[in-house]
């Protein structure tokens, strides 16, 4: 089964969930805002993908960070704490299957190929 990580009011997450529902693909949704995200999980993701694919440096949340926290987001080992405190910095959605990342973001063509 797929696990979709994100926040429910994100338009990209909504598109992803709508696409999966329309195509009758089962998933579990993990809401960062309610359930948080552990350092262990973030480090695992960063071992699977370049951390720059996980940190959303184009987000409004990133732009509101202090300069010191923005610098922390440039290195995987220091980005984890900032991401835990500011879950909106995590690119969304992150789609996993059996703990492995299979997609970051939403693209209907990619989803059609994957699922």
PDB file of N, CA and C in Angstrom:
ATOM      1  N   UNK A   1       0.848  -1.181   0.000  1.00  0.00           N
ATOM      2  CA  UNK A   1       0.000   0.000   0.000  1.00  0.00           C
ATOM      3  C   UNK A   1       0.889   1.237   0.000  1.00  0.00           C
ATOM      4  N   UNK A   2       0.380   2.278  -0.629  1.00  0.00           N
ATOM      5  CA  UNK A   2       1.094   3.547  -0.701  1.00  0.00           C
ATOM      6  C   UNK A   2       0.830   4.374   0.547  1.00  0.00           C
ATOM      7  N   UNK A   3       1.827   5.162   0.930  1.00  0.00           N
ATOM      8  CA  UNK A   3       1.638   6.183   1.949  1.00  0.00           C
ATOM      9  C   UNK A   3       1.931   7.514   1.282  1.00  0.00           C
ATOM     10  N   UNK A   4       0.993   8.425   1.414  1.00  0.00           N
ATOM     11  CA  UNK A   4       1.125   9.759   0.848  1.00  0.00           C
ATOM     12  C   UNK A   4       1.374  10.717   2.007  1.00  0.00           C
ATOM     13  N   UNK A   5       2.513  11.396   1.972  1.00  0.00           N
ATOM     14  CA  UNK A   5       2.877  12.350   3.012  1.00  0.00           C
ATOM     15  C   UNK A   5       2.636  13.757   2.495  1.00  0.00           C
ATOM     16  N   UNK A   6       1.956  14.572   3.307  1.00  0.00           N
ATOM     17  CA  UNK A   6       1.707  15.942   2.898  1.00  0.00           C
ATOM     18  C   UNK A   6       0.812  16.663   3.879  1.00  0.00           C
ATOM     19  N   UNK A   7       0.251  17.750   3.413  1.00  0.00           N
ATOM     20  CA  UNK A   7      -0.726  18.497   4.198  1.00  0.00           C
ATOM     21  C   UNK A   7      -1.995  18.623   3.345  1.00  0.00           C
ATOM     22  N   UNK A   8      -3.154  18.454   3.966  1.00  0.00           N
ATOM     23  CA  UNK A   8      -4.391  18.339   3.195  1.00  0.00           C
ATOM     24  C   UNK A   8      -4.802  19.584   2.418  1.00  0.00           C
ATOM     25  N   UNK A   9      -4.366  20.772   2.830  1.00  0.00           N
ATOM     26  CA  UNK A   9      -4.798  21.978   2.118  1.00  0.00           C
ATOM     27  C   UNK A   9      -3.855  22.362   0.975  1.00  0.00           C
ATOM     28  N   UNK A  10      -2.854  21.548   0.705  1.00  0.00           N
ATOM     29  CA  UNK A  10      -1.916  21.796  -0.397  1.00  0.00           C
ATOM     30  C   UNK A  10      -2.570  21.376  -1.717  1.00  0.00           C
ATOM     31  N   UNK A  11      -2.565  22.265  -2.695  1.00  0.00           N
ATOM     32  CA  UNK A  11      -3.189  21.963  -3.986  1.00  0.00           C
ATOM     33  C   UNK A  11      -2.543  20.761  -4.672  1.00  0.00           C
ATOM     34  N   UNK A  12      -1.233  20.640  -4.570  1.00  0.00           N
ATOM     35  CA  UNK A  12      -0.545  19.513  -5.208  1.00  0.00           C
ATOM     36  C   UNK A  12      -0.919  18.200  -4.534  1.00  0.00           C
ATOM     37  N   UNK A  13      -1.036  18.215  -3.228  1.00  0.00           N
ATOM     38  CA  UNK A  13      -1.467  17.017  -2.501  1.00  0.00           C
ATOM     39  C   UNK A  13      -2.894  16.667  -2.897  1.00  0.00           C
ATOM     40  N   UNK A  14      -3.759  17.660  -2.979  1.00  0.00           N
ATOM     41  CA  UNK A  14      -5.150  17.418  -3.380  1.00  0.00           C
ATOM     42  C   UNK A  14      -5.215  16.770  -4.766  1.00  0.00           C
ATOM     43  N   UNK A  15      -4.425  17.276  -5.708  1.00  0.00           N
ATOM     44  CA  UNK A  15      -4.400  16.700  -7.055  1.00  0.00           C
ATOM     45  C   UNK A  15      -3.934  15.251  -7.014  1.00  0.00           C
ATOM     46  N   UNK A  16      -2.923  14.994  -6.216  1.00  0.00           N
ATOM     47  CA  UNK A  16      -2.386  13.638  -6.090  1.00  0.00           C
ATOM     48  C   UNK A  16      -3.433  12.688  -5.515  1.00  0.00           C
ATOM     49  N   UNK A  17      -4.062  13.101  -4.425  1.00  0.00           N
ATOM     50  CA  UNK A  17      -5.074  12.246  -3.786  1.00  0.00           C
ATOM     51  C   UNK A  17      -6.277  12.037  -4.702  1.00  0.00           C
ATOM     52  N   UNK A  18      -6.687  13.081  -5.396  1.00  0.00           N
ATOM     53  CA  UNK A  18      -7.806  12.955  -6.339  1.00  0.00           C
ATOM     54  C   UNK A  18      -7.456  11.964  -7.449  1.00  0.00           C
ATOM     55  N   UNK A  19      -6.227  12.049  -7.974  1.00  0.00           N
ATOM     56  CA  UNK A  19      -5.800  11.151  -9.044  1.00  0.00           C
ATOM     57  C   UNK A  19      -5.802   9.703  -8.554  1.00  0.00           C
ATOM     58  N   UNK A  20      -5.256   9.483  -7.371  1.00  0.00           N
ATOM     59  CA  UNK A  20      -5.206   8.118  -6.829  1.00  0.00           C
ATOM     60  C   UNK A  20      -6.609   7.574  -6.574  1.00  0.00           C
ATOM     61  N   UNK A  21      -7.482   8.397  -6.024  1.00  0.00           N
ATOM     62  CA  UNK A  21      -8.859   7.970  -5.763  1.00  0.00           C
ATOM     63  C   UNK A  21      -9.582   7.653  -7.071  1.00  0.00           C
ATOM     64  N   UNK A  22      -9.444   8.519  -8.044  1.00  0.00           N
ATOM     65  CA  UNK A  22     -10.087   8.314  -9.350  1.00  0.00           C
ATOM     66  C   UNK A  22      -9.630   7.004  -9.990  1.00  0.00           C
ATOM     67  N   UNK A  23      -8.359   6.653  -9.797  1.00  0.00           N
ATOM     68  CA  UNK A  23      -7.813   5.437 -10.399  1.00  0.00           C
ATOM     69  C   UNK A  23      -7.885   4.227  -9.454  1.00  0.00           C
ATOM     70  N   UNK A  24      -8.637   4.416  -8.361  1.00  0.00           N
ATOM     71  CA  UNK A  24      -8.909   3.331  -7.405  1.00  0.00           C
ATOM     72  C   UNK A  24      -7.628   2.694  -6.849  1.00  0.00           C
ATOM     73  N   UNK A  25      -6.692   3.538  -6.528  1.00  0.00           N
ATOM     74  CA  UNK A  25      -5.433   3.092  -5.939  1.00  0.00           C
ATOM     75  C   UNK A  25      -5.502   3.386  -4.448  1.00  0.00           C
ATOM     76  N   UNK A  26      -5.331   2.350  -3.652  1.00  0.00           N
ATOM     77  CA  UNK A  26      -5.430   2.496  -2.204  1.00  0.00           C
ATOM     78  C   UNK A  26      -4.189   3.181  -1.658  1.00  0.00           C
ATOM     79  N   UNK A  27      -4.417   4.000  -0.645  1.00  0.00           N
ATOM     80  CA  UNK A  27      -3.316   4.699   0.000  1.00  0.00           C
ATOM     81  C   UNK A  27      -3.700   5.059   1.429  1.00  0.00           C
ATOM     82  N   UNK A  28      -2.697   5.378   2.203  1.00  0.00           N
ATOM     83  CA  UNK A  28      -2.861   5.925   3.544  1.00  0.00           C
ATOM     84  C   UNK A  28      -2.284   7.334   3.485  1.00  0.00           C
ATOM     85  N   UNK A  29      -3.002   8.294   4.060  1.00  0.00           N
ATOM     86  CA  UNK A  29      -2.524   9.669   4.050  1.00  0.00           C
ATOM     87  C   UNK A  29      -1.910  10.014   5.394  1.00  0.00           C
ATOM     88  N   UNK A  30      -0.698  10.548   5.363  1.00  0.00           N
ATOM     89  CA  UNK A  30      -0.005  11.009   6.574  1.00  0.00           C
ATOM     90  C   UNK A  30       0.040  12.527   6.540  1.00  0.00           C
ATOM     91  N   UNK A  31      -0.665  13.143   7.456  1.00  0.00           N
ATOM     92  CA  UNK A  31      -0.777  14.599   7.544  1.00  0.00           C
ATOM     93  C   UNK A  31       0.346  15.140   8.423  1.00  0.00           C
ATOM     94  N   UNK A  32       1.310  15.831   7.811  1.00  0.00           N
ATOM     95  CA  UNK A  32       2.428  16.405   8.573  1.00  0.00           C
ATOM     96  C   UNK A  32       1.957  17.317   9.692  1.00  0.00           C
ATOM     97  N   UNK A  33       0.923  18.085   9.432  1.00  0.00           N
ATOM     98  CA  UNK A  33       0.481  19.075  10.413  1.00  0.00           C
ATOM     99  C   UNK A  33      -0.067  18.410  11.678  1.00  0.00           C
ATOM    100  N   UNK A  34      -0.743  17.295  11.516  1.00  0.00           N
ATOM    101  CA  UNK A  34      -1.322  16.607  12.673  1.00  0.00           C
ATOM    102  C   UNK A  34      -0.388  15.540  13.238  1.00  0.00           C
ATOM    103  N   UNK A  35       0.287  14.812  12.356  1.00  0.00           N
ATOM    104  CA  UNK A  35       1.074  13.667  12.786  1.00  0.00           C
ATOM    105  C   UNK A  35       2.568  13.953  12.877  1.00  0.00           C
ATOM    106  N   UNK A  36       2.996  15.089  12.343  1.00  0.00           N
ATOM    107  CA  UNK A  36       4.409  15.428  12.381  1.00  0.00           C
ATOM    108  C   UNK A  36       5.236  14.515  11.491  1.00  0.00           C
ATOM    109  N   UNK A  37       6.537  14.640  11.623  1.00  0.00           N
ATOM    110  CA  UNK A  37       7.463  13.803  10.875  1.00  0.00           C
ATOM    111  C   UNK A  37       8.707  13.620  11.743  1.00  0.00           C
ATOM    112  N   UNK A  38       9.173  12.397  11.835  1.00  0.00           N
ATOM    113  CA  UNK A  38      10.310  12.112  12.711  1.00  0.00           C
ATOM    114  C   UNK A  38      11.633  12.384  12.014  1.00  0.00           C
ATOM    115  N   UNK A  39      12.645  12.632  12.820  1.00  0.00           N
ATOM    116  CA  UNK A  39      14.002  12.807  12.289  1.00  0.00           C
ATOM    117  C   UNK A  39      14.456  11.528  11.606  1.00  0.00           C
ATOM    118  N   UNK A  40      14.084  10.389  12.157  1.00  0.00           N
ATOM    119  CA  UNK A  40      14.463   9.101  11.570  1.00  0.00           C
ATOM    120  C   UNK A  40      13.897   8.977  10.155  1.00  0.00           C
ATOM    121  N   UNK A  41      12.636   9.339   9.986  1.00  0.00           N
ATOM    122  CA  UNK A  41      12.008   9.253   8.665  1.00  0.00           C
ATOM    123  C   UNK A  41      12.674  10.217   7.682  1.00  0.00           C
ATOM    124  N   UNK A  42      12.900  11.445   8.109  1.00  0.00           N
ATOM    125  CA  UNK A  42      13.545  12.417   7.225  1.00  0.00           C
ATOM    126  C   UNK A  42      14.938  11.952   6.803  1.00  0.00           C
ATOM    127  N   UNK A  43      15.699  11.435   7.750  1.00  0.00           N
ATOM    128  CA  UNK A  43      17.048  10.940   7.425  1.00  0.00           C
ATOM    129  C   UNK A  43      16.979   9.751   6.472  1.00  0.00           C
ATOM    130  N   UNK A  44      15.976   8.899   6.658  1.00  0.00           N
ATOM    131  CA  UNK A  44      15.796   7.766   5.744  1.00  0.00           C
ATOM    132  C   UNK A  44      15.498   8.270   4.332  1.00  0.00           C
ATOM    133  N   UNK A  45      14.598   9.229   4.221  1.00  0.00           N
ATOM    134  CA  UNK A  45      14.288   9.794   2.905  1.00  0.00           C
ATOM    135  C   UNK A  45      15.530  10.405   2.269  1.00  0.00           C
ATOM    136  N   UNK A  46      16.314  11.105   3.081  1.00  0.00           N
ATOM    137  CA  UNK A  46      17.516  11.753   2.556  1.00  0.00           C
ATOM    138  C   UNK A  46      18.594  10.745   2.167  1.00  0.00           C
ATOM    139  N   UNK A  47      18.488   9.535   2.698  1.00  0.00           N
ATOM    140  CA  UNK A  47      19.414   8.484   2.263  1.00  0.00           C
ATOM    141  C   UNK A  47      18.960   7.883   0.927  1.00  0.00           C
ATOM    142  N   UNK A  48      17.680   8.050   0.612  1.00  0.00           N
ATOM    143  CA  UNK A  48      17.124   7.523  -0.634  1.00  0.00           C
ATOM    144  C   UNK A  48      17.184   8.527  -1.783  1.00  0.00           C
ATOM    145  N   UNK A  49      17.036   9.799  -1.453  1.00  0.00           N
ATOM    146  CA  UNK A  49      16.982  10.870  -2.454  1.00  0.00           C
ATOM    147  C   UNK A  49      17.891  12.009  -2.007  1.00  0.00           C
ATOM    148  N   UNK A  50      18.384  12.751  -2.949  1.00  0.00           N
ATOM    149  CA  UNK A  50      19.149  13.953  -2.608  1.00  0.00           C
ATOM    150  C   UNK A  50      18.250  14.840  -1.759  1.00  0.00           C
ATOM    151  N   UNK A  51      18.769  15.311  -0.639  1.00  0.00           N
ATOM    152  CA  UNK A  51      17.939  16.096   0.273  1.00  0.00           C
ATOM    153  C   UNK A  51      17.385  17.360  -0.379  1.00  0.00           C
ATOM    154  N   UNK A  52      18.029  17.842  -1.435  1.00  0.00           N
ATOM    155  CA  UNK A  52      17.521  19.049  -2.100  1.00  0.00           C
ATOM    156  C   UNK A  52      16.193  18.790  -2.804  1.00  0.00           C
ATOM    157  N   UNK A  53      15.882  17.520  -3.037  1.00  0.00           N
ATOM    158  CA  UNK A  53      14.579  17.178  -3.612  1.00  0.00           C
ATOM    159  C   UNK A  53      13.483  17.163  -2.554  1.00  0.00           C
ATOM    160  N   UNK A  54      13.883  17.151  -1.296  1.00  0.00           N
ATOM    161  CA  UNK A  54      12.936  17.062  -0.187  1.00  0.00           C
ATOM    162  C   UNK A  54      12.663  18.435   0.436  1.00  0.00           C
ATOM    163  N   UNK A  55      13.657  19.304   0.427  1.00  0.00           N
ATOM    164  CA  UNK A  55      13.519  20.643   1.004  1.00  0.00           C
ATOM    165  C   UNK A  55      12.984  21.601  -0.061  1.00  0.00           C
ATOM    166  N   UNK A  56      11.851  22.222   0.233  1.00  0.00           N
ATOM    167  CA  UNK A  56      11.224  23.142  -0.717  1.00  0.00           C
ATOM    168  C   UNK A  56      11.720  24.566  -0.474  1.00  0.00           C
ATOM    169  N   UNK A  57      12.815  24.913  -1.132  1.00  0.00           N
ATOM    170  CA  UNK A  57      13.406  26.239  -0.936  1.00  0.00           C
ATOM    171  C   UNK A  57      12.669  27.334  -1.714  1.00  0.00           C
ATOM    172  N   UNK A  58      11.652  26.957  -2.466  1.00  0.00           N
ATOM    173  CA  UNK A  58      10.870  27.952  -3.209  1.00  0.00           C
ATOM    174  C   UNK A  58       9.571  28.313  -2.481  1.00  0.00           C
ATOM    175  N   UNK A  59       9.349  27.714  -1.337  1.00  0.00           N
ATOM    176  CA  UNK A  59       8.091  27.931  -0.618  1.00  0.00           C
ATOM    177  C   UNK A  59       8.091  29.254   0.139  1.00  0.00           C
ATOM    178  N   UNK A  60       6.896  29.725   0.433  1.00  0.00           N
ATOM    179  CA  UNK A  60       6.743  30.937   1.242  1.00  0.00           C
ATOM    180  C   UNK A  60       7.314  30.700   2.641  1.00  0.00           C
ATOM    181  N   UNK A  61       7.177  29.487   3.137  1.00  0.00           N
ATOM    182  CA  UNK A  61       7.709  29.158   4.459  1.00  0.00           C
ATOM    183  C   UNK A  61       9.225  29.339   4.489  1.00  0.00           C
ATOM    184  N   UNK A  62       9.891  28.871   3.446  1.00  0.00           N
ATOM    185  CA  UNK A  62      11.347  29.015   3.379  1.00  0.00           C
ATOM    186  C   UNK A  62      11.737  30.493   3.381  1.00  0.00           C
ATOM    187  N   UNK A  63      11.029  31.281   2.634  1.00  0.00           N
ATOM    188  CA  UNK A  63      11.348  32.716   2.527  1.00  0.00           C
ATOM    189  C   UNK A  63      11.150  33.445   3.858  1.00  0.00           C
ATOM    190  N   UNK A  64      10.305  32.885   4.724  1.00  0.00           N
ATOM    191  CA  UNK A  64      10.061  33.502   6.026  1.00  0.00           C
ATOM    192  C   UNK A  64      11.063  33.045   7.095  1.00  0.00           C
ATOM    193  N   UNK A  65      11.871  32.045   6.782  1.00  0.00           N
ATOM    194  CA  UNK A  65      12.859  31.564   7.749  1.00  0.00           C
ATOM    195  C   UNK A  65      13.921  32.615   8.027  1.00  0.00           C
ATOM    196  N   UNK A  66      14.511  32.504   9.176  1.00  0.00           N
ATOM    197  CA  UNK A  66      15.650  33.367   9.484  1.00  0.00           C
ATOM    198  C   UNK A  66      16.803  32.996   8.548  1.00  0.00           C
ATOM    199  N   UNK A  67      17.716  33.909   8.310  1.00  0.00           N
ATOM    200  CA  UNK A  67      18.876  33.579   7.480  1.00  0.00           C
ATOM    201  C   UNK A  67      19.649  32.362   8.018  1.00  0.00           C
ATOM    202  N   UNK A  68      19.726  32.231   9.331  1.00  0.00           N
ATOM    203  CA  UNK A  68      20.432  31.090   9.933  1.00  0.00           C
ATOM    204  C   UNK A  68      19.739  29.773   9.588  1.00  0.00           C
ATOM    205  N   UNK A  69      18.415  29.751   9.656  1.00  0.00           N
ATOM    206  CA  UNK A  69      17.680  28.526   9.315  1.00  0.00           C
ATOM    207  C   UNK A  69      17.756  28.232   7.824  1.00  0.00           C
ATOM    208  N   UNK A  70      17.773  29.280   6.989  1.00  0.00           N
ATOM    209  CA  UNK A  70      17.949  29.056   5.557  1.00  0.00           C
ATOM    210  C   UNK A  70      19.296  28.393   5.273  1.00  0.00           C
ATOM    211  N   UNK A  71      20.322  28.813   5.978  1.00  0.00           N
ATOM    212  CA  UNK A  71      21.645  28.192   5.817  1.00  0.00           C
ATOM    213  C   UNK A  71      21.591  26.733   6.260  1.00  0.00           C
ATOM    214  N   UNK A  72      20.876  26.446   7.335  1.00  0.00           N
ATOM    215  CA  UNK A  72      20.746  25.062   7.808  1.00  0.00           C
ATOM    216  C   UNK A  72      20.101  24.177   6.744  1.00  0.00           C
ATOM    217  N   UNK A  73      19.248  24.754   5.932  1.00  0.00           N
ATOM    218  CA  UNK A  73      18.557  23.983   4.895  1.00  0.00           C
ATOM    219  C   UNK A  73      19.463  23.633   3.720  1.00  0.00           C
ATOM    220  N   UNK A  74      20.694  24.088   3.739  1.00  0.00           N
ATOM    221  CA  UNK A  74      21.625  23.791   2.649  1.00  0.00           C
ATOM    222  C   UNK A  74      22.426  22.514   2.883  1.00  0.00           C
ATOM    223  N   UNK A  75      22.260  21.910   4.057  1.00  0.00           N
ATOM    224  CA  UNK A  75      22.967  20.669   4.379  1.00  0.00           C
ATOM    225  C   UNK A  75      21.991  19.680   4.999  1.00  0.00           C
ATOM    226  N   UNK A  76      22.079  18.448   4.558  1.00  0.00           N
ATOM    227  CA  UNK A  76      21.134  17.422   5.014  1.00  0.00           C
ATOM    228  C   UNK A  76      21.142  17.275   6.533  1.00  0.00           C
ATOM    229  N   UNK A  77      22.317  17.229   7.136  1.00  0.00           N
ATOM    230  CA  UNK A  77      22.372  16.959   8.573  1.00  0.00           C
ATOM    231  C   UNK A  77      21.790  18.092   9.417  1.00  0.00           C
ATOM    232  N   UNK A  78      21.774  19.319   8.921  1.00  0.00           N
ATOM    233  CA  UNK A  78      21.191  20.420   9.687  1.00  0.00           C
ATOM    234  C   UNK A  78      19.770  20.762   9.228  1.00  0.00           C
ATOM    235  N   UNK A  79      19.393  20.291   8.063  1.00  0.00           N
ATOM    236  CA  UNK A  79      18.046  20.579   7.545  1.00  0.00           C
ATOM    237  C   UNK A  79      16.964  19.827   8.314  1.00  0.00           C
ATOM    238  N   UNK A  80      17.295  18.662   8.847  1.00  0.00           N
ATOM    239  CA  UNK A  80      16.287  17.806   9.488  1.00  0.00           C
ATOM    240  C   UNK A  80      15.521  18.546  10.577  1.00  0.00           C
ATOM    241  N   UNK A  81      16.219  19.201  11.487  1.00  0.00           N
ATOM    242  CA  UNK A  81      15.544  19.897  12.594  1.00  0.00           C
ATOM    243  C   UNK A  81      14.651  21.016  12.079  1.00  0.00           C
ATOM    244  N   UNK A  82      15.115  21.733  11.077  1.00  0.00           N
ATOM    245  CA  UNK A  82      14.314  22.826  10.507  1.00  0.00           C
ATOM    246  C   UNK A  82      13.056  22.255   9.852  1.00  0.00           C
ATOM    247  N   UNK A  83      13.187  21.138   9.146  1.00  0.00           N
ATOM    248  CA  UNK A  83      12.031  20.509   8.504  1.00  0.00           C
ATOM    249  C   UNK A  83      11.019  20.014   9.534  1.00  0.00           C
ATOM    250  N   UNK A  84      11.507  19.482  10.629  1.00  0.00           N
ATOM    251  CA  UNK A  84      10.587  19.008  11.668  1.00  0.00           C
ATOM    252  C   UNK A  84       9.789  20.165  12.265  1.00  0.00           C
ATOM    253  N   UNK A  85      10.432  21.300  12.431  1.00  0.00           N
ATOM    254  CA  UNK A  85       9.760  22.464  13.002  1.00  0.00           C
ATOM    255  C   UNK A  85       8.868  23.176  11.986  1.00  0.00           C
ATOM    256  N   UNK A  86       9.192  23.016  10.703  1.00  0.00           N
ATOM    257  CA  UNK A  86       8.478  23.711   9.624  1.00  0.00           C
ATOM    258  C   UNK A  86       8.111  22.692   8.546  1.00  0.00           C
ATOM    259  N   UNK A  87       7.126  21.866   8.827  1.00  0.00           N
ATOM    260  CA  UNK A  87       6.790  20.769   7.912  1.00  0.00           C
ATOM    261  C   UNK A  87       6.331  21.258   6.542  1.00  0.00           C
ATOM    262  N   UNK A  88       5.934  22.510   6.439  1.00  0.00           N
ATOM    263  CA  UNK A  88       5.554  23.047   5.129  1.00  0.00           C
ATOM    264  C   UNK A  88       6.759  23.201   4.208  1.00  0.00           C
ATOM    265  N   UNK A  89       7.962  23.046   4.742  1.00  0.00           N
ATOM    266  CA  UNK A  89       9.185  23.093   3.926  1.00  0.00           C
ATOM    267  C   UNK A  89       9.425  21.793   3.174  1.00  0.00           C
ATOM    268  N   UNK A  90       8.734  20.741   3.557  1.00  0.00           N
ATOM    269  CA  UNK A  90       8.938  19.452   2.909  1.00  0.00           C
ATOM    270  C   UNK A  90       8.130  19.433   1.614  1.00  0.00           C
ATOM    271  N   UNK A  91       8.798  19.117   0.502  1.00  0.00           N
ATOM    272  CA  UNK A  91       8.088  19.053  -0.782  1.00  0.00           C
ATOM    273  C   UNK A  91       6.971  18.030  -0.666  1.00  0.00           C
ATOM    274  N   UNK A  92       5.888  18.300  -1.396  1.00  0.00           N
ATOM    275  CA  UNK A  92       4.713  17.455  -1.250  1.00  0.00           C
ATOM    276  C   UNK A  92       4.103  17.143  -2.603  1.00  0.00           C
ATOM    277  N   UNK A  93       3.424  16.039  -2.613  1.00  0.00           N
ATOM    278  CA  UNK A  93       3.494  14.956  -1.641  1.00  0.00           C
ATOM    279  C   UNK A  93       4.744  14.115  -1.846  1.00  0.00           C
ATOM    280  N   UNK A  94       5.096  13.401  -0.808  1.00  0.00           N
ATOM    281  CA  UNK A  94       6.097  12.347  -0.924  1.00  0.00           C
ATOM    282  C   UNK A  94       5.315  11.044  -0.865  1.00  0.00           C
ATOM    283  N   UNK A  95       5.499  10.214  -1.876  1.00  0.00           N
ATOM    284  CA  UNK A  95       4.769   8.951  -1.995  1.00  0.00           C
ATOM    285  C   UNK A  95       5.752   7.818  -1.739  1.00  0.00           C
ATOM    286  N   UNK A  96       5.393   6.961  -0.783  1.00  0.00           N
ATOM    287  CA  UNK A  96       6.251   5.817  -0.484  1.00  0.00           C
ATOM    288  C   UNK A  96       5.473   4.516  -0.605  1.00  0.00           C
ATOM    289  N   UNK A  97       6.225   3.469  -0.854  1.00  0.00           N
ATOM    290  CA  UNK A  97       5.675   2.116  -0.857  1.00  0.00           C
ATOM    291  C   UNK A  97       6.685   1.244  -0.129  1.00  0.00           C
ATOM    292  N   UNK A  98       6.220   0.620   0.940  1.00  0.00           N
ATOM    293  CA  UNK A  98       7.090  -0.198   1.788  1.00  0.00           C
ATOM    294  C   UNK A  98       8.318   0.585   2.238  1.00  0.00           C
ATOM    295  N   UNK A  99       8.098   1.859   2.560  1.00  0.00           N
ATOM    296  CA  UNK A  99       9.162   2.691   3.091  1.00  0.00           C
ATOM    297  C   UNK A  99      10.091   3.306   2.057  1.00  0.00           C
ATOM    298  N   UNK A 100       9.907   2.987   0.807  1.00  0.00           N
ATOM    299  CA  UNK A 100      10.770   3.523  -0.253  1.00  0.00           C
ATOM    300  C   UNK A 100      10.047   4.634  -1.010  1.00  0.00           C
ATOM    301  N   UNK A 101      10.735   5.733  -1.239  1.00  0.00           N
ATOM    302  CA  UNK A 101      10.147   6.837  -2.003  1.00  0.00           C
ATOM    303  C   UNK A 101       9.996   6.407  -3.452  1.00  0.00           C
ATOM    304  N   UNK A 102       8.786   6.555  -3.963  1.00  0.00           N
ATOM    305  CA  UNK A 102       8.576   6.256  -5.382  1.00  0.00           C
ATOM    306  C   UNK A 102       8.196   7.496  -6.179  1.00  0.00           C
ATOM    307  N   UNK A 103       7.821   8.579  -5.479  1.00  0.00           N
ATOM    308  CA  UNK A 103       7.513   9.832  -6.178  1.00  0.00           C
ATOM    309  C   UNK A 103       7.576  10.992  -5.198  1.00  0.00           C
ATOM    310  N   UNK A 104       7.999  12.132  -5.721  1.00  0.00           N
ATOM    311  CA  UNK A 104       7.950  13.386  -4.978  1.00  0.00           C
ATOM    312  C   UNK A 104       7.238  14.377  -5.883  1.00  0.00           C
ATOM    313  N   UNK A 105       6.174  14.974  -5.351  1.00  0.00           N
ATOM    314  CA  UNK A 105       5.378  15.885  -6.164  1.00  0.00           C
ATOM    315  C   UNK A 105       4.298  15.120  -6.910  1.00  0.00           C
ATOM    316  N   UNK A 106       3.621  15.834  -7.791  1.00  0.00           N
ATOM    317  CA  UNK A 106       2.561  15.203  -8.571  1.00  0.00           C
ATOM    318  C   UNK A 106       2.715  15.553 -10.039  1.00  0.00           C
ATOM    319  N   UNK A 107       2.695  14.517 -10.848  1.00  0.00           N
ATOM    320  CA  UNK A 107       2.673  14.656 -12.298  1.00  0.00           C
ATOM    321  C   UNK A 107       1.813  13.510 -12.822  1.00  0.00           C
ATOM    322  N   UNK A 108       0.686  13.798 -13.482  1.00  0.00           N
ATOM    323  CA  UNK A 108      -0.207  12.729 -13.919  1.00  0.00           C
ATOM    324  C   UNK A 108       0.458  11.720 -14.854  1.00  0.00           C
ATOM    325  N   UNK A 109       1.376  12.157 -15.676  1.00  0.00           N
ATOM    326  CA  UNK A 109       2.065  11.230 -16.582  1.00  0.00           C
ATOM    327  C   UNK A 109       2.943  10.271 -15.782  1.00  0.00           C
ATOM    328  N   UNK A 110       3.669  10.817 -14.832  1.00  0.00           N
ATOM    329  CA  UNK A 110       4.511   9.976 -13.972  1.00  0.00           C
ATOM    330  C   UNK A 110       3.653   9.000 -13.168  1.00  0.00           C
ATOM    331  N   UNK A 111       2.558   9.488 -12.615  1.00  0.00           N
ATOM    332  CA  UNK A 111       1.683   8.617 -11.844  1.00  0.00           C
ATOM    333  C   UNK A 111       1.120   7.499 -12.713  1.00  0.00           C
ATOM    334  N   UNK A 112       0.734   7.818 -13.929  1.00  0.00           N
ATOM    335  CA  UNK A 112       0.197   6.796 -14.827  1.00  0.00           C
ATOM    336  C   UNK A 112       1.241   5.725 -15.113  1.00  0.00           C
ATOM    337  N   UNK A 113       2.483   6.114 -15.202  1.00  0.00           N
ATOM    338  CA  UNK A 113       3.576   5.154 -15.445  1.00  0.00           C
ATOM    339  C   UNK A 113       3.830   4.313 -14.192  1.00  0.00           C
ATOM    340  N   UNK A 114       3.823   4.947 -13.032  1.00  0.00           N
ATOM    341  CA  UNK A 114       4.132   4.257 -11.782  1.00  0.00           C
ATOM    342  C   UNK A 114       3.010   3.336 -11.308  1.00  0.00           C
ATOM    343  N   UNK A 115       1.777   3.793 -11.500  1.00  0.00           N
ATOM    344  CA  UNK A 115       0.648   3.074 -10.920  1.00  0.00           C
ATOM    345  C   UNK A 115      -0.212   2.450 -12.006  1.00  0.00           C
TER     346      UNK A 115
END
